[in-house]
Amino acid sequence: MRLIQSRLREVPIYRPMETENDYVGTSRIWEPVGVILADVQPASDRRMVEMYGDRASHMQTLYTYTGADIQDGYGAFAMSKNGEPTHKVVSVMRYSTHVVLTVEQVREWS
């Protein structure tokens, strides 16, 4: 699949890291992995609605190049006020010419 250059935008990606904390035990911090160029589209097709139900209205689909090292559970987009990404990667589908990511807007990380 050929990505249209004029539709690509920079999307920062973050990896969750567990660190030892003197107060609580372990805590999660977000380490920046890098920035990918992606075509960001709403995830509103019939397949998404059947799979995710009402959650589909808070999801987006990102089309990017094959070199992206991204896994489920990574964070994407801007950091919120509490220092966590605003979106979570819920699905990664790798093809020979591109990678399709499904991200969901996060209200609270679990």
Protein backbone atom coordinates (compact mmCIF):
# COMPACT_ATOMS: atom_id res chain seq x y z
CA MET A 1 0.00 0.00 0.00
CA ARG A 2 1.40 3.36 -0.95
CA LEU A 3 0.99 6.10 1.67
CA ILE A 4 0.09 9.58 0.44
CA GLN A 5 2.86 11.94 1.56
CA SER A 6 0.60 14.96 2.07
CA ARG A 7 -1.55 13.04 4.58
CA LEU A 8 1.30 11.85 6.80
CA ARG A 9 1.77 13.45 10.19
CA GLU A 10 4.27 12.91 12.97
CA VAL A 11 3.01 10.74 15.83
CA PRO A 12 5.18 10.26 18.93
CA ILE A 13 5.31 6.71 20.31
CA TYR A 14 6.03 5.77 23.95
CA ARG A 15 6.97 2.44 25.56
CA PRO A 16 5.77 1.59 29.10
CA MET A 17 8.60 0.82 31.53
CA GLU A 18 8.19 -0.48 35.08
CA THR A 19 10.57 1.14 37.57
CA GLU A 20 11.24 0.51 41.24
CA ASN A 21 9.72 3.12 43.49
CA ASP A 22 10.60 3.55 47.18
CA TYR A 23 7.08 4.64 48.04
CA VAL A 24 4.77 2.21 46.23
CA GLY A 25 6.93 -0.63 44.92
CA THR A 26 6.82 -0.27 41.14
CA SER A 27 5.49 2.50 38.96
CA ARG A 28 5.04 2.94 35.24
CA ILE A 29 6.96 5.56 33.31
CA TRP A 30 6.75 6.28 29.60
CA GLU A 31 9.97 6.15 27.61
CA PRO A 32 9.86 7.85 24.19
CA VAL A 33 10.56 5.31 21.43
CA GLY A 34 10.51 7.79 18.59
CA VAL A 35 8.27 9.53 16.10
CA ILE A 36 6.57 7.77 13.20
CA LEU A 37 5.01 9.23 10.09
CA ALA A 38 1.45 7.96 9.86
CA ASP A 39 -1.78 8.55 7.98
CA VAL A 40 -4.33 9.00 10.79
CA GLN A 41 -7.94 7.99 9.98
CA PRO A 42 -11.03 7.48 12.15
CA ALA A 43 -11.75 3.83 12.95
CA SER A 44 -15.40 3.82 11.99
CA ASP A 45 -15.80 0.96 9.54
CA ARG A 46 -18.20 -1.92 10.14
CA ARG A 47 -15.48 -4.36 11.20
CA MET A 48 -14.26 -2.03 13.96
CA VAL A 49 -17.78 -1.46 15.26
CA GLU A 50 -18.42 -5.22 15.37
CA MET A 51 -15.13 -5.88 17.18
CA TYR A 52 -15.08 -2.99 19.67
CA GLY A 53 -18.69 -1.79 19.91
CA ASP A 54 -19.08 1.68 21.45
CA ARG A 55 -15.32 1.93 21.97
CA ALA A 56 -14.88 2.35 18.18
CA SER A 57 -15.98 5.99 18.39
CA HIS A 58 -12.85 6.72 20.49
CA MET A 59 -10.46 4.88 18.15
CA GLN A 60 -8.27 5.84 15.22
CA THR A 61 -6.42 3.83 12.59
CA LEU A 62 -2.81 4.72 11.77
CA TYR A 63 -1.18 3.57 8.53
CA THR A 64 2.62 3.72 8.67
CA TYR A 65 5.74 2.23 7.10
CA THR A 66 7.06 -1.27 7.84
CA GLY A 67 10.13 -0.16 9.83
CA ALA A 68 8.06 0.92 12.84
CA ASP A 69 8.92 -1.05 16.00
CA ILE A 70 5.56 -0.86 17.79
CA GLN A 71 3.75 -3.39 19.97
CA ASP A 72 0.36 -3.65 21.66
CA GLY A 73 0.21 -1.61 24.85
CA TYR A 74 2.50 1.18 23.62
CA GLY A 75 1.31 4.76 24.02
CA ALA A 76 0.82 7.23 21.21
CA PHE A 77 0.14 10.90 20.58
CA ALA A 78 0.74 13.70 23.09
CA MET A 79 1.34 13.29 26.79
CA SER A 80 -1.60 14.28 28.99
CA LYS A 81 -1.36 16.44 32.11
CA ASN A 82 -0.64 13.42 34.32
CA GLY A 83 2.37 12.44 32.17
CA GLU A 84 0.78 9.54 30.27
CA PRO A 85 0.02 9.21 26.53
CA THR A 86 -3.48 10.13 25.39
CA HIS A 87 -3.91 7.00 23.21
CA LYS A 88 -3.05 3.30 23.64
CA VAL A 89 -2.09 0.93 20.83
CA VAL A 90 -4.65 -1.92 20.91
CA SER A 91 -3.84 -3.66 17.63
CA VAL A 92 -0.82 -3.98 15.34
CA MET A 93 -1.26 -5.62 11.93
CA ARG A 94 1.92 -6.01 9.89
CA TYR A 95 1.83 -6.37 6.12
CA SER A 96 4.68 -6.58 3.61
CA THR A 97 4.32 -2.93 2.54
CA HIS A 98 2.89 -1.18 5.62
CA VAL A 99 1.79 -1.47 9.26
CA VAL A 100 -1.76 -0.74 10.45
CA LEU A 101 -2.16 0.39 14.08
CA THR A 102 -5.42 0.77 15.93
CA VAL A 103 -5.21 3.22 18.82
CA GLU A 104 -7.82 3.98 21.46
CA GLN A 105 -8.22 7.17 23.44
CA VAL A 106 -7.38 6.42 27.06
CA ARG A 107 -9.41 7.67 29.96
CA GLU A 108 -7.51 5.72 32.61
CA TRP A 109 -4.51 3.38 32.22
CA SER A 110 -4.81 -0.06 33.77
